[in-house]
Amino acid sequence: MKVISIVGARPQFVKAAPLSKKLREKFTEVLVHTGQHYDPNMSEVFFKELEIPEPDYNLGVGSGSHGEQTGKMLIEIEKVLTKEKPDLVLVYGDTNSTIAGSLAAAKLHIKVAHVEAGARSFNRLLPEEINRVVTDHLSDLLFCPTETAVKNLEKEGITSGVFKTGDVMYDAVLQFSKIAKQKSKILEKLQLETGSYLYATVHRAENTDNPKNLRSIIEAFSRSGEKIVFSVHPRTRKMLKEIELPPLPNVMMIDPVGYLDNLVLEENARKILTDSGGMQKEAYFLKVPCITMRNETEWVETVKDGWNVLVGADKEKIQKAIEQFKPNDKQSNHFGDGNASGKIAAILNE
């Protein structure tokens, strides 16, 4: 069987790392990189560190509006599918690469498998939510990371081809956290001690493209007085130049880091501040309290278990969470046993 796997953004590289290895034990995998994330810190470093095979196709789509980016991807992915004639197209998560891959395959009557199916924030204002919903309704095989995801699909009338497999991101954290401890020198490089800092990322359009939200978040960082290591997404850095920033003596701004350095920075932080879906889960897996700068989350399990708190872009709530938020000790195996990749490969084999 020939499988075309489509990736394009940092979270997808992480998810593809454990699954690609399992797929290649049984099938022919053709890896397509759309080029949605093209900065070396956002792309190349992940392929090297996670030992992901070199992409067979790099479409080099780059940035642009949602319509422009998705349209370019559709055109180029269709060319690849027509040439390669795969039995299955496998897509990950909720990016424009995901929706473009599933649309192109569905229109060519090629079966679609969606890894991380059923995740819902129930906020249709978010482009990621549109991508998730449409991809799930186009997919033939839906690999759900949690029981919540299975129930979300059932409510939308999707019950055929649905499998609860666990989360491939959990596989990746288990697989690479030990390697990260051995190889990463990021704490020494930044002169950081375990538990001496908070680790922050901000990249979602609802925060970066909204000057009021972005300013509120940065003001909360500044007022906290805590040492905050802020990994700044290229788009966020561009937007920061356009707003008036308060003094930030307590904030260390760094460029995005590779996956291994990121895991070490997460695991050794006292708390994590983020609007990233993936980092919410990684914080949970690594048992680090997470403050999510969004009003809703797809990963409700992390909130229910008391390891994650939603604060939006409200600076008062962010400051309060920085000062007071403490998790429960309780965690459950919502995200599987760390072998989601093996289960997905076995289901495809059947």
C-alpha atoms as a PDB file:
ATOM      1  CA  MET A   1       0.000   0.000   0.000  1.00  0.00           C
ATOM      2  CA  LYS A   2       1.210   3.496  -0.831  1.00  0.00           C
ATOM      3  CA  VAL A   3       0.466   6.228   1.731  1.00  0.00           C
ATOM      4  CA  ILE A   4       1.045   9.932   1.106  1.00  0.00           C
ATOM      5  CA  SER A   5       1.587  11.806   4.361  1.00  0.00           C
ATOM      6  CA  ILE A   6       1.107  15.576   4.230  1.00  0.00           C
ATOM      7  CA  VAL A   7       2.837  17.882   6.712  1.00  0.00           C
ATOM      8  CA  GLY A   8       3.561  21.586   6.736  1.00  0.00           C
ATOM      9  CA  ALA A   9       3.858  23.010  10.261  1.00  0.00           C
ATOM     10  CA  ARG A  10       5.822  22.380  13.450  1.00  0.00           C
ATOM     11  CA  PRO A  11       3.129  20.363  15.295  1.00  0.00           C
ATOM     12  CA  GLN A  12       2.741  18.090  12.277  1.00  0.00           C
ATOM     13  CA  PHE A  13       6.459  17.333  12.135  1.00  0.00           C
ATOM     14  CA  VAL A  14       6.275  16.221  15.779  1.00  0.00           C
ATOM     15  CA  LYS A  15       3.245  14.011  15.117  1.00  0.00           C
ATOM     16  CA  ALA A  16       4.791  12.543  11.955  1.00  0.00           C
ATOM     17  CA  ALA A  17       8.046  11.556  13.686  1.00  0.00           C
ATOM     18  CA  PRO A  18       6.791   8.453  15.560  1.00  0.00           C
ATOM     19  CA  LEU A  19       4.099   7.549  13.023  1.00  0.00           C
ATOM     20  CA  SER A  20       6.298   7.737   9.916  1.00  0.00           C
ATOM     21  CA  LYS A  21       8.639   5.115  11.409  1.00  0.00           C
ATOM     22  CA  LYS A  22       5.722   2.749  12.019  1.00  0.00           C
ATOM     23  CA  LEU A  23       4.244   3.327   8.561  1.00  0.00           C
ATOM     24  CA  ARG A  24       7.532   2.550   6.827  1.00  0.00           C
ATOM     25  CA  GLU A  25       7.719  -0.838   8.547  1.00  0.00           C
ATOM     26  CA  LYS A  26       4.647  -1.961   6.589  1.00  0.00           C
ATOM     27  CA  PHE A  27       3.945   0.434   3.712  1.00  0.00           C
ATOM     28  CA  THR A  28       5.459   2.706   1.106  1.00  0.00           C
ATOM     29  CA  GLU A  29       5.248   6.235   2.512  1.00  0.00           C
ATOM     30  CA  VAL A  30       5.633   9.327   0.346  1.00  0.00           C
ATOM     31  CA  LEU A  31       6.200  12.423   2.495  1.00  0.00           C
ATOM     32  CA  VAL A  32       4.916  15.764   1.205  1.00  0.00           C
ATOM     33  CA  HIS A  33       5.991  19.013   2.939  1.00  0.00           C
ATOM     34  CA  THR A  34       3.765  21.901   1.844  1.00  0.00           C
ATOM     35  CA  GLY A  35       6.244  24.531   3.056  1.00  0.00           C
ATOM     36  CA  GLN A  36       3.634  26.204   5.278  1.00  0.00           C
ATOM     37  CA  HIS A  37       6.393  26.610   7.896  1.00  0.00           C
ATOM     38  CA  TYR A  38       9.582  27.360   5.980  1.00  0.00           C
ATOM     39  CA  ASP A  39      11.841  29.200   8.451  1.00  0.00           C
ATOM     40  CA  PRO A  40      14.753  26.823   9.308  1.00  0.00           C
ATOM     41  CA  ASN A  41      13.910  27.131  13.038  1.00  0.00           C
ATOM     42  CA  MET A  42      10.332  26.116  12.274  1.00  0.00           C
ATOM     43  CA  SER A  43      11.066  23.314   9.804  1.00  0.00           C
ATOM     44  CA  GLU A  44      14.554  21.959   8.995  1.00  0.00           C
ATOM     45  CA  VAL A  45      15.663  21.576  12.596  1.00  0.00           C
ATOM     46  CA  PHE A  46      12.649  19.342  13.314  1.00  0.00           C
ATOM     47  CA  PHE A  47      13.435  16.960  10.454  1.00  0.00           C
ATOM     48  CA  LYS A  48      17.035  16.628  11.664  1.00  0.00           C
ATOM     49  CA  GLU A  49      16.337  16.227  15.374  1.00  0.00           C
ATOM     50  CA  LEU A  50      13.368  13.890  15.020  1.00  0.00           C
ATOM     51  CA  GLU A  51      15.045  11.861  12.263  1.00  0.00           C
ATOM     52  CA  ILE A  52      12.080  12.326   9.961  1.00  0.00           C
ATOM     53  CA  PRO A  53      12.911  11.178   6.409  1.00  0.00           C
ATOM     54  CA  GLU A  54      13.647  13.925   3.897  1.00  0.00           C
ATOM     55  CA  PRO A  55      10.388  14.970   2.198  1.00  0.00           C
ATOM     56  CA  ASP A  56       9.872  13.403  -1.215  1.00  0.00           C
ATOM     57  CA  TYR A  57       8.175  16.646  -2.247  1.00  0.00           C
ATOM     58  CA  ASN A  58       8.635  20.138  -0.830  1.00  0.00           C
ATOM     59  CA  LEU A  59       5.939  22.350  -2.325  1.00  0.00           C
ATOM     60  CA  GLY A  60       7.456  25.606  -1.043  1.00  0.00           C
ATOM     61  CA  VAL A  61       4.075  27.301  -0.656  1.00  0.00           C
ATOM     62  CA  GLY A  62       5.207  29.731   2.078  1.00  0.00           C
ATOM     63  CA  SER A  63       3.035  32.333   3.759  1.00  0.00           C
ATOM     64  CA  GLY A  64      -0.033  34.212   2.522  1.00  0.00           C
ATOM     65  CA  SER A  65      -3.686  34.724   3.355  1.00  0.00           C
ATOM     66  CA  HIS A  66      -5.707  31.620   4.225  1.00  0.00           C
ATOM     67  CA  GLY A  67      -7.309  31.513   0.780  1.00  0.00           C
ATOM     68  CA  GLU A  68      -4.062  32.118  -1.083  1.00  0.00           C
ATOM     69  CA  GLN A  69      -2.080  29.600   0.934  1.00  0.00           C
ATOM     70  CA  THR A  70      -4.741  26.874   0.812  1.00  0.00           C
ATOM     71  CA  GLY A  71      -5.329  27.450  -2.905  1.00  0.00           C
ATOM     72  CA  LYS A  72      -1.642  27.090  -3.776  1.00  0.00           C
ATOM     73  CA  MET A  73      -1.458  23.917  -1.685  1.00  0.00           C
ATOM     74  CA  LEU A  74      -4.506  22.426  -3.417  1.00  0.00           C
ATOM     75  CA  ILE A  75      -2.977  22.990  -6.839  1.00  0.00           C
ATOM     76  CA  GLU A  76       0.398  21.483  -5.927  1.00  0.00           C
ATOM     77  CA  ILE A  77      -0.940  18.565  -3.852  1.00  0.00           C
ATOM     78  CA  GLU A  78      -3.290  17.596  -6.672  1.00  0.00           C
ATOM     79  CA  LYS A  79      -0.289  17.347  -9.025  1.00  0.00           C
ATOM     80  CA  VAL A  80       1.517  15.050  -6.589  1.00  0.00           C
ATOM     81  CA  LEU A  81      -1.539  12.833  -6.037  1.00  0.00           C
ATOM     82  CA  THR A  82      -2.184  12.529  -9.775  1.00  0.00           C
ATOM     83  CA  LYS A  83       1.428  11.496 -10.329  1.00  0.00           C
ATOM     84  CA  GLU A  84       1.853   9.154  -7.332  1.00  0.00           C
ATOM     85  CA  LYS A  85      -1.644   7.541  -7.328  1.00  0.00           C
ATOM     86  CA  PRO A  86      -1.601   6.619  -3.609  1.00  0.00           C
ATOM     87  CA  ASP A  87      -4.059   4.291  -1.882  1.00  0.00           C
ATOM     88  CA  LEU A  88      -4.428   6.698   1.029  1.00  0.00           C
ATOM     89  CA  VAL A  89      -3.675  10.301   1.976  1.00  0.00           C
ATOM     90  CA  LEU A  90      -2.854  10.866   5.643  1.00  0.00           C
ATOM     91  CA  VAL A  91      -3.229  14.333   7.177  1.00  0.00           C
ATOM     92  CA  TYR A  92      -2.513  15.672  10.656  1.00  0.00           C
ATOM     93  CA  GLY A  93      -4.224  18.146  12.948  1.00  0.00           C
ATOM     94  CA  ASP A  94      -5.845  21.397  11.858  1.00  0.00           C
ATOM     95  CA  THR A  95      -3.658  23.564   9.607  1.00  0.00           C
ATOM     96  CA  ASN A  96      -4.173  24.792   6.045  1.00  0.00           C
ATOM     97  CA  SER A  97      -1.957  21.871   4.964  1.00  0.00           C
ATOM     98  CA  THR A  98      -4.516  19.536   6.578  1.00  0.00           C
ATOM     99  CA  ILE A  99      -7.554  20.943   4.805  1.00  0.00           C
ATOM    100  CA  ALA A 100      -5.737  21.242   1.459  1.00  0.00           C
ATOM    101  CA  GLY A 101      -4.546  17.639   1.610  1.00  0.00           C
ATOM    102  CA  SER A 102      -7.943  16.236   2.536  1.00  0.00           C
ATOM    103  CA  LEU A 103      -9.778  18.309  -0.095  1.00  0.00           C
ATOM    104  CA  ALA A 104      -7.373  17.403  -2.889  1.00  0.00           C
ATOM    105  CA  ALA A 105      -7.609  13.692  -2.022  1.00  0.00           C
ATOM    106  CA  ALA A 106     -11.400  13.642  -1.638  1.00  0.00           C
ATOM    107  CA  LYS A 107     -11.910  15.326  -5.032  1.00  0.00           C
ATOM    108  CA  LEU A 108      -9.683  12.674  -6.639  1.00  0.00           C
ATOM    109  CA  HIS A 109     -11.611   9.896  -4.806  1.00  0.00           C
ATOM    110  CA  ILE A 110      -8.572   8.874  -2.755  1.00  0.00           C
ATOM    111  CA  LYS A 111      -9.239   7.717   0.799  1.00  0.00           C
ATOM    112  CA  VAL A 112      -8.348  10.160   3.575  1.00  0.00           C
ATOM    113  CA  ALA A 113      -7.079   9.341   7.069  1.00  0.00           C
ATOM    114  CA  HIS A 114      -7.065  12.097   9.714  1.00  0.00           C
ATOM    115  CA  VAL A 115      -4.714  11.883  12.679  1.00  0.00           C
ATOM    116  CA  GLU A 116      -6.048  13.893  15.658  1.00  0.00           C
ATOM    117  CA  ALA A 117      -9.640  13.685  14.436  1.00  0.00           C
ATOM    118  CA  GLY A 118     -12.539  14.913  16.553  1.00  0.00           C
ATOM    119  CA  ALA A 119     -10.771  17.744  18.387  1.00  0.00           C
ATOM    120  CA  ARG A 120     -13.142  20.691  18.818  1.00  0.00           C
ATOM    121  CA  SER A 121     -12.939  24.152  20.377  1.00  0.00           C
ATOM    122  CA  PHE A 122     -16.517  24.949  19.203  1.00  0.00           C
ATOM    123  CA  ASN A 123     -15.347  28.386  18.079  1.00  0.00           C
ATOM    124  CA  ARG A 124     -15.982  28.728  14.337  1.00  0.00           C
ATOM    125  CA  LEU A 125     -14.189  32.092  14.305  1.00  0.00           C
ATOM    126  CA  LEU A 126     -10.907  30.166  14.464  1.00  0.00           C
ATOM    127  CA  PRO A 127      -9.578  28.996  11.080  1.00  0.00           C
ATOM    128  CA  GLU A 128      -8.233  25.848  12.761  1.00  0.00           C
ATOM    129  CA  GLU A 129     -11.765  24.866  13.791  1.00  0.00           C
ATOM    130  CA  ILE A 130     -13.018  25.128  10.203  1.00  0.00           C
ATOM    131  CA  ASN A 131     -10.080  23.022   9.036  1.00  0.00           C
ATOM    132  CA  ARG A 132     -10.803  20.329  11.646  1.00  0.00           C
ATOM    133  CA  VAL A 133     -14.524  20.080  10.990  1.00  0.00           C
ATOM    134  CA  VAL A 134     -14.265  19.949   7.204  1.00  0.00           C
ATOM    135  CA  THR A 135     -11.366  17.467   7.277  1.00  0.00           C
ATOM    136  CA  ASP A 136     -13.269  15.119   9.590  1.00  0.00           C
ATOM    137  CA  HIS A 137     -16.313  15.167   7.312  1.00  0.00           C
ATOM    138  CA  LEU A 138     -14.096  14.337   4.310  1.00  0.00           C
ATOM    139  CA  SER A 139     -12.172  11.539   6.041  1.00  0.00           C
ATOM    140  CA  ASP A 140     -12.666   7.789   5.683  1.00  0.00           C
ATOM    141  CA  LEU A 141     -10.523   6.877   8.688  1.00  0.00           C
ATOM    142  CA  LEU A 142     -10.586   9.071  11.797  1.00  0.00           C
ATOM    143  CA  PHE A 143      -7.914   8.474  14.430  1.00  0.00           C
ATOM    144  CA  CYS A 144      -9.068  10.097  17.664  1.00  0.00           C
ATOM    145  CA  PRO A 145      -6.641  10.993  20.451  1.00  0.00           C
ATOM    146  CA  THR A 146      -9.251  10.901  23.247  1.00  0.00           C
ATOM    147  CA  GLU A 147     -12.712   9.639  24.169  1.00  0.00           C
ATOM    148  CA  THR A 148     -13.931  13.259  24.035  1.00  0.00           C
ATOM    149  CA  ALA A 149     -12.912  13.407  20.369  1.00  0.00           C
ATOM    150  CA  VAL A 150     -14.875  10.219  19.607  1.00  0.00           C
ATOM    151  CA  LYS A 151     -17.978  11.727  21.249  1.00  0.00           C
ATOM    152  CA  ASN A 152     -17.564  14.998  19.348  1.00  0.00           C
ATOM    153  CA  LEU A 153     -17.647  13.098  16.049  1.00  0.00           C
ATOM    154  CA  GLU A 154     -20.659  11.062  17.159  1.00  0.00           C
ATOM    155  CA  LYS A 155     -22.574  14.295  17.841  1.00  0.00           C
ATOM    156  CA  GLU A 156     -21.836  15.346  14.246  1.00  0.00           C
ATOM    157  CA  GLY A 157     -23.106  12.024  12.902  1.00  0.00           C
ATOM    158  CA  ILE A 158     -19.667  10.530  12.200  1.00  0.00           C
ATOM    159  CA  THR A 159     -19.431   6.980  13.540  1.00  0.00           C
ATOM    160  CA  SER A 160     -18.012   4.950  10.636  1.00  0.00           C
ATOM    161  CA  GLY A 161     -14.228   4.548  10.425  1.00  0.00           C
ATOM    162  CA  VAL A 162     -13.693   6.139  13.850  1.00  0.00           C
ATOM    163  CA  PHE A 163     -10.929   4.726  16.069  1.00  0.00           C
ATOM    164  CA  LYS A 164      -9.753   5.836  19.512  1.00  0.00           C
ATOM    165  CA  THR A 165      -5.989   5.381  19.221  1.00  0.00           C
ATOM    166  CA  GLY A 166      -4.500   7.782  21.753  1.00  0.00           C
ATOM    167  CA  ASP A 167      -2.364  10.795  20.900  1.00  0.00           C
ATOM    168  CA  VAL A 168       0.737  10.537  18.691  1.00  0.00           C
ATOM    169  CA  MET A 169       2.107  13.641  20.460  1.00  0.00           C
ATOM    170  CA  TYR A 170       2.256  11.585  23.653  1.00  0.00           C
ATOM    171  CA  ASP A 171       4.241   8.967  21.729  1.00  0.00           C
ATOM    172  CA  ALA A 172       6.670  11.706  20.662  1.00  0.00           C
ATOM    173  CA  VAL A 173       7.113  13.149  24.164  1.00  0.00           C
ATOM    174  CA  LEU A 174       7.820   9.702  25.635  1.00  0.00           C
ATOM    175  CA  GLN A 175      10.176   8.869  22.784  1.00  0.00           C
ATOM    176  CA  PHE A 176      12.172  12.104  22.695  1.00  0.00           C
ATOM    177  CA  SER A 177      12.175  13.541  26.242  1.00  0.00           C
ATOM    178  CA  LYS A 178      15.030  11.249  27.350  1.00  0.00           C
ATOM    179  CA  ILE A 179      17.008  12.091  24.202  1.00  0.00           C
ATOM    180  CA  ALA A 180      16.336  15.788  24.825  1.00  0.00           C
ATOM    181  CA  LYS A 181      17.818  15.589  28.343  1.00  0.00           C
ATOM    182  CA  GLN A 182      20.976  14.020  26.934  1.00  0.00           C
ATOM    183  CA  LYS A 183      21.455  16.247  23.886  1.00  0.00           C
ATOM    184  CA  SER A 184      20.005  19.672  24.665  1.00  0.00           C
ATOM    185  CA  LYS A 185      22.300  22.382  26.035  1.00  0.00           C
ATOM    186  CA  ILE A 186      19.629  25.108  25.998  1.00  0.00           C
ATOM    187  CA  LEU A 187      19.530  25.625  29.790  1.00  0.00           C
ATOM    188  CA  GLU A 188      23.300  26.182  29.885  1.00  0.00           C
ATOM    189  CA  LYS A 189      23.153  28.407  26.807  1.00  0.00           C
ATOM    190  CA  LEU A 190      20.466  30.646  28.338  1.00  0.00           C
ATOM    191  CA  GLN A 191      21.936  30.314  31.863  1.00  0.00           C
ATOM    192  CA  LEU A 192      18.710  28.961  33.330  1.00  0.00           C
ATOM    193  CA  GLU A 193      18.124  26.856  36.435  1.00  0.00           C
ATOM    194  CA  THR A 194      15.287  24.347  36.728  1.00  0.00           C
ATOM    195  CA  GLY A 195      12.140  26.047  38.084  1.00  0.00           C
ATOM    196  CA  SER A 196      13.656  29.550  37.880  1.00  0.00           C
ATOM    197  CA  TYR A 197      11.555  30.777  34.933  1.00  0.00           C
ATOM    198  CA  LEU A 198       8.216  30.646  33.127  1.00  0.00           C
ATOM    199  CA  TYR A 199       8.201  29.580  29.481  1.00  0.00           C
ATOM    200  CA  ALA A 200       5.952  31.438  27.007  1.00  0.00           C
ATOM    201  CA  THR A 201       4.856  31.220  23.375  1.00  0.00           C
ATOM    202  CA  VAL A 202       2.257  33.285  21.493  1.00  0.00           C
ATOM    203  CA  HIS A 203       1.446  32.570  17.856  1.00  0.00           C
ATOM    204  CA  ARG A 204      -2.308  32.285  17.219  1.00  0.00           C
ATOM    205  CA  ALA A 205      -3.865  34.866  14.925  1.00  0.00           C
ATOM    206  CA  GLU A 206      -6.477  35.790  17.560  1.00  0.00           C
ATOM    207  CA  ASN A 207      -3.592  37.102  19.700  1.00  0.00           C
ATOM    208  CA  THR A 208      -0.861  38.124  17.258  1.00  0.00           C
ATOM    209  CA  ASP A 209      -3.124  39.877  14.746  1.00  0.00           C
ATOM    210  CA  ASN A 210      -5.078  41.701  17.445  1.00  0.00           C
ATOM    211  CA  PRO A 211      -2.901  44.569  18.796  1.00  0.00           C
ATOM    212  CA  LYS A 212      -5.099  44.933  21.893  1.00  0.00           C
ATOM    213  CA  ASN A 213      -4.724  41.252  22.811  1.00  0.00           C
ATOM    214  CA  LEU A 214      -1.005  41.173  22.088  1.00  0.00           C
ATOM    215  CA  ARG A 215      -0.368  44.324  24.122  1.00  0.00           C
ATOM    216  CA  SER A 216      -2.431  42.943  27.026  1.00  0.00           C
ATOM    217  CA  ILE A 217      -0.420  39.695  27.066  1.00  0.00           C
ATOM    218  CA  ILE A 218       2.936  41.499  26.952  1.00  0.00           C
ATOM    219  CA  GLU A 219       1.835  43.903  29.715  1.00  0.00           C
ATOM    220  CA  ALA A 220       0.895  40.914  31.874  1.00  0.00           C
ATOM    221  CA  PHE A 221       4.349  39.421  31.289  1.00  0.00           C
ATOM    222  CA  SER A 222       5.969  42.727  32.228  1.00  0.00           C
ATOM    223  CA  ARG A 223       3.877  43.311  35.364  1.00  0.00           C
ATOM    224  CA  SER A 224       4.392  39.788  36.679  1.00  0.00           C
ATOM    225  CA  GLY A 225       8.018  40.541  37.544  1.00  0.00           C
ATOM    226  CA  GLU A 226       8.754  36.836  36.909  1.00  0.00           C
ATOM    227  CA  LYS A 227      11.625  35.732  34.702  1.00  0.00           C
ATOM    228  CA  ILE A 228       9.843  34.760  31.471  1.00  0.00           C
ATOM    229  CA  VAL A 229      11.593  33.021  28.594  1.00  0.00           C
ATOM    230  CA  PHE A 230       9.529  34.029  25.565  1.00  0.00           C
ATOM    231  CA  SER A 231      10.062  31.990  22.391  1.00  0.00           C
ATOM    232  CA  VAL A 232       8.945  34.447  19.709  1.00  0.00           C
ATOM    233  CA  HIS A 233       7.271  33.121  16.544  1.00  0.00           C
ATOM    234  CA  PRO A 234       8.380  35.052  13.401  1.00  0.00           C
ATOM    235  CA  ARG A 235       4.854  36.425  12.897  1.00  0.00           C
ATOM    236  CA  THR A 236       4.676  37.498  16.537  1.00  0.00           C
ATOM    237  CA  ARG A 237       8.035  39.265  16.298  1.00  0.00           C
ATOM    238  CA  LYS A 238       6.790  41.182  13.268  1.00  0.00           C
ATOM    239  CA  MET A 239       3.622  42.273  15.099  1.00  0.00           C
ATOM    240  CA  LEU A 240       5.532  43.262  18.256  1.00  0.00           C
ATOM    241  CA  LYS A 241       7.394  45.867  16.208  1.00  0.00           C
ATOM    242  CA  GLU A 242       4.064  47.509  15.401  1.00  0.00           C
ATOM    243  CA  ILE A 243       2.821  48.009  18.980  1.00  0.00           C
ATOM    244  CA  GLU A 244       4.166  50.118  21.819  1.00  0.00           C
ATOM    245  CA  LEU A 245       5.866  47.778  24.264  1.00  0.00           C
ATOM    246  CA  PRO A 246       6.270  48.374  28.006  1.00  0.00           C
ATOM    247  CA  PRO A 247       9.764  47.917  29.533  1.00  0.00           C
ATOM    248  CA  LEU A 248      10.545  44.187  29.614  1.00  0.00           C
ATOM    249  CA  PRO A 249      13.590  43.684  31.853  1.00  0.00           C
ATOM    250  CA  ASN A 250      12.171  40.388  33.136  1.00  0.00           C
ATOM    251  CA  VAL A 251      11.390  38.934  29.678  1.00  0.00           C
ATOM    252  CA  MET A 252      14.048  37.048  27.717  1.00  0.00           C
ATOM    253  CA  MET A 253      12.992  36.976  24.058  1.00  0.00           C
ATOM    254  CA  ILE A 254      14.501  34.110  22.074  1.00  0.00           C
ATOM    255  CA  ASP A 255      14.016  32.776  18.547  1.00  0.00           C
ATOM    256  CA  PRO A 256      11.953  29.579  18.148  1.00  0.00           C
ATOM    257  CA  VAL A 257      13.939  26.516  19.177  1.00  0.00           C
ATOM    258  CA  GLY A 258      14.011  22.932  17.942  1.00  0.00           C
ATOM    259  CA  TYR A 259      11.854  20.191  19.412  1.00  0.00           C
ATOM    260  CA  LEU A 260      14.471  18.811  21.817  1.00  0.00           C
ATOM    261  CA  ASP A 261      15.325  22.256  23.229  1.00  0.00           C
ATOM    262  CA  ASN A 262      11.615  23.034  23.453  1.00  0.00           C
ATOM    263  CA  LEU A 263      10.942  19.888  25.501  1.00  0.00           C
ATOM    264  CA  VAL A 264      13.748  20.768  27.915  1.00  0.00           C
ATOM    265  CA  LEU A 265      12.523  24.365  28.290  1.00  0.00           C
ATOM    266  CA  GLU A 266       8.989  23.083  28.931  1.00  0.00           C
ATOM    267  CA  GLU A 267       9.957  20.386  31.416  1.00  0.00           C
ATOM    268  CA  ASN A 268      12.183  22.676  33.496  1.00  0.00           C
ATOM    269  CA  ALA A 269       9.811  25.655  33.587  1.00  0.00           C
ATOM    270  CA  ARG A 270       7.812  26.444  36.714  1.00  0.00           C
ATOM    271  CA  LYS A 271       4.794  27.248  34.540  1.00  0.00           C
ATOM    272  CA  ILE A 272       4.020  27.470  30.823  1.00  0.00           C
ATOM    273  CA  LEU A 273       2.140  30.372  29.181  1.00  0.00           C
ATOM    274  CA  THR A 274       0.891  29.601  25.686  1.00  0.00           C
ATOM    275  CA  ASP A 275      -1.878  29.751  23.099  1.00  0.00           C
ATOM    276  CA  SER A 276      -0.581  26.580  21.405  1.00  0.00           C
ATOM    277  CA  GLY A 277      -2.712  23.449  21.433  1.00  0.00           C
ATOM    278  CA  GLY A 278       0.315  21.167  21.295  1.00  0.00           C
ATOM    279  CA  MET A 279       2.084  22.866  24.189  1.00  0.00           C
ATOM    280  CA  GLN A 280      -0.996  22.495  26.378  1.00  0.00           C
ATOM    281  CA  LYS A 281      -0.724  18.745  25.918  1.00  0.00           C
ATOM    282  CA  GLU A 282       3.061  18.657  26.292  1.00  0.00           C
ATOM    283  CA  ALA A 283       2.750  20.604  29.553  1.00  0.00           C
ATOM    284  CA  TYR A 284       0.231  18.011  30.747  1.00  0.00           C
ATOM    285  CA  PHE A 285       2.434  15.082  29.715  1.00  0.00           C
ATOM    286  CA  LEU A 286       5.451  16.667  31.442  1.00  0.00           C
ATOM    287  CA  LYS A 287       3.382  17.635  34.532  1.00  0.00           C
ATOM    288  CA  VAL A 288       4.028  21.374  34.256  1.00  0.00           C
ATOM    289  CA  PRO A 289       1.181  23.826  35.091  1.00  0.00           C
ATOM    290  CA  CYS A 290      -0.157  25.467  31.927  1.00  0.00           C
ATOM    291  CA  ILE A 291      -1.750  28.912  31.554  1.00  0.00           C
ATOM    292  CA  THR A 292      -3.558  29.023  28.208  1.00  0.00           C
ATOM    293  CA  MET A 293      -4.067  32.461  26.702  1.00  0.00           C
ATOM    294  CA  ARG A 294      -7.253  31.520  24.883  1.00  0.00           C
ATOM    295  CA  ASN A 295     -10.931  31.501  25.837  1.00  0.00           C
ATOM    296  CA  GLU A 296     -11.466  27.885  24.868  1.00  0.00           C
ATOM    297  CA  THR A 297      -9.417  24.763  24.224  1.00  0.00           C
ATOM    298  CA  GLU A 298      -9.759  21.554  22.237  1.00  0.00           C
ATOM    299  CA  TRP A 299      -7.935  19.757  25.045  1.00  0.00           C
ATOM    300  CA  VAL A 300     -10.601  19.983  27.740  1.00  0.00           C
ATOM    301  CA  GLU A 301      -9.130  16.998  29.568  1.00  0.00           C
ATOM    302  CA  THR A 302      -6.128  19.083  30.648  1.00  0.00           C
ATOM    303  CA  VAL A 303      -8.484  21.675  32.182  1.00  0.00           C
ATOM    304  CA  LYS A 304     -10.783  19.099  33.826  1.00  0.00           C
ATOM    305  CA  ASP A 305      -7.782  17.449  35.481  1.00  0.00           C
ATOM    306  CA  GLY A 306      -6.713  20.850  36.850  1.00  0.00           C
ATOM    307  CA  TRP A 307      -3.367  21.144  35.021  1.00  0.00           C
ATOM    308  CA  ASN A 308      -4.471  23.866  32.592  1.00  0.00           C
ATOM    309  CA  VAL A 309      -6.347  27.145  33.116  1.00  0.00           C
ATOM    310  CA  LEU A 310      -7.927  29.326  30.405  1.00  0.00           C
ATOM    311  CA  VAL A 311      -7.306  33.055  30.793  1.00  0.00           C
ATOM    312  CA  GLY A 312      -7.787  34.503  27.299  1.00  0.00           C
ATOM    313  CA  ALA A 313      -5.778  37.671  26.632  1.00  0.00           C
ATOM    314  CA  ASP A 314      -7.012  39.280  29.874  1.00  0.00           C
ATOM    315  CA  LYS A 315      -3.941  40.698  31.627  1.00  0.00           C
ATOM    316  CA  GLU A 316      -5.559  40.555  35.077  1.00  0.00           C
ATOM    317  CA  LYS A 317      -6.401  36.856  34.641  1.00  0.00           C
ATOM    318  CA  ILE A 318      -2.939  36.119  33.234  1.00  0.00           C
ATOM    319  CA  GLN A 319      -1.259  37.856  36.190  1.00  0.00           C
ATOM    320  CA  LYS A 320      -3.503  36.093  38.697  1.00  0.00           C
ATOM    321  CA  ALA A 321      -2.753  32.692  37.139  1.00  0.00           C
ATOM    322  CA  ILE A 322       0.986  33.418  37.149  1.00  0.00           C
ATOM    323  CA  GLU A 323       0.781  34.193  40.861  1.00  0.00           C
ATOM    324  CA  GLN A 324      -1.780  31.683  42.090  1.00  0.00           C
ATOM    325  CA  PHE A 325      -2.530  28.810  39.685  1.00  0.00           C
ATOM    326  CA  LYS A 326      -1.560  25.426  41.086  1.00  0.00           C
ATOM    327  CA  PRO A 327      -2.544  22.107  39.521  1.00  0.00           C
ATOM    328  CA  ASN A 328      -4.071  19.073  41.149  1.00  0.00           C
ATOM    329  CA  ASP A 329      -1.780  16.071  41.416  1.00  0.00           C
ATOM    330  CA  LYS A 330      -4.340  13.892  39.643  1.00  0.00           C
ATOM    331  CA  GLN A 331      -3.813  12.884  36.017  1.00  0.00           C
ATOM    332  CA  SER A 332      -5.598  10.278  33.905  1.00  0.00           C
ATOM    333  CA  ASN A 333      -4.584   8.384  30.785  1.00  0.00           C
ATOM    334  CA  HIS A 334      -6.899  10.415  28.514  1.00  0.00           C
ATOM    335  CA  PHE A 335      -4.295  10.441  25.744  1.00  0.00           C
ATOM    336  CA  GLY A 336      -3.543   6.719  25.557  1.00  0.00           C
ATOM    337  CA  ASP A 337      -0.558   4.585  26.491  1.00  0.00           C
ATOM    338  CA  GLY A 338       2.128   6.079  24.244  1.00  0.00           C
ATOM    339  CA  ASN A 339       1.594   3.635  21.374  1.00  0.00           C
ATOM    340  CA  ALA A 340      -0.891   5.555  19.227  1.00  0.00           C
ATOM    341  CA  SER A 341       1.447   5.280  16.221  1.00  0.00           C
ATOM    342  CA  GLY A 342       1.574   1.506  16.463  1.00  0.00           C
ATOM    343  CA  LYS A 343      -2.217   1.296  16.738  1.00  0.00           C
ATOM    344  CA  ILE A 344      -2.733   3.540  13.700  1.00  0.00           C
ATOM    345  CA  ALA A 345      -0.289   1.496  11.602  1.00  0.00           C
ATOM    346  CA  ALA A 346      -2.004  -1.739  12.682  1.00  0.00           C
ATOM    347  CA  ILE A 347      -5.462  -0.394  11.752  1.00  0.00           C
ATOM    348  CA  LEU A 348      -4.192   0.701   8.323  1.00  0.00           C
ATOM    349  CA  ASN A 349      -2.644  -2.738   7.839  1.00  0.00           C
ATOM    350  CA  GLU A 350      -5.987  -4.401   8.532  1.00  0.00           C
END
